[in-house]
Amino acid sequence: MTLPASIGRLTAVRTLVLYGSNLVRIPPEIGGMTSLEEFSPYTSRRLHWFPYEITRCDRLVNSTVSTRSIYGNYKYRPPFPRLLPPGDTVLDLEGLSPARWGATAVRTCSVCTGPISATGPRQAWLSQVVATDVLPLLVNACSEACLDALPPGVMGYIPTPHRGGEIEQPPSR
């Protein structure tokens, strides 16, 4: 259902082809793949979003994503799932429910790489251009200040970071 977190140690990989995979999640550690130039999860129809950390792949210039399957797609507009605010209880940040948090572990902030509070990350959705596609990105931030530091969304998509759910999306093209 997901790739191992150790994927982040593959710093020399230039092409990652996941054609037709059954993956549901990509781990945030993908941001450690510093040589990644091409990312192709095409026809991986169970992938509906990607971790914000993929924006750390500075060399990533080509992508092939099944955009019909992703949240907020400009044509079909599948809705973003509602993200809940962090709770008041201490969490095991290494043993999270992926259905609730989008990952089994959240170690660092998607924005500043600082530590995440034991009460959990502050989450947001953001549509951004990654290589050649607009992707829905899940942000796990350590603070409201980090959420405020996110860039605006892509024109024609939801313009700001948001929590999903019942959100007014721009009309489809």
Foldseek 3Di string as FASTA:
>chain_A
DEDDLCCLVCQQDAEDAQDLHCDQAYDLSPLSNQNHAEYENDNNLNHAAYALSLLSNVNHAYYHYPLVRYAQRQAPHDWDDFADAQDPDFAPQQQDDCVHVVDRHDAAWSQPRHGAGRSFFGWWWAFDDGNHDTGIHIGGHRDVVSLVPDAFHDPQFRGGTHRIDPDDTRHHD
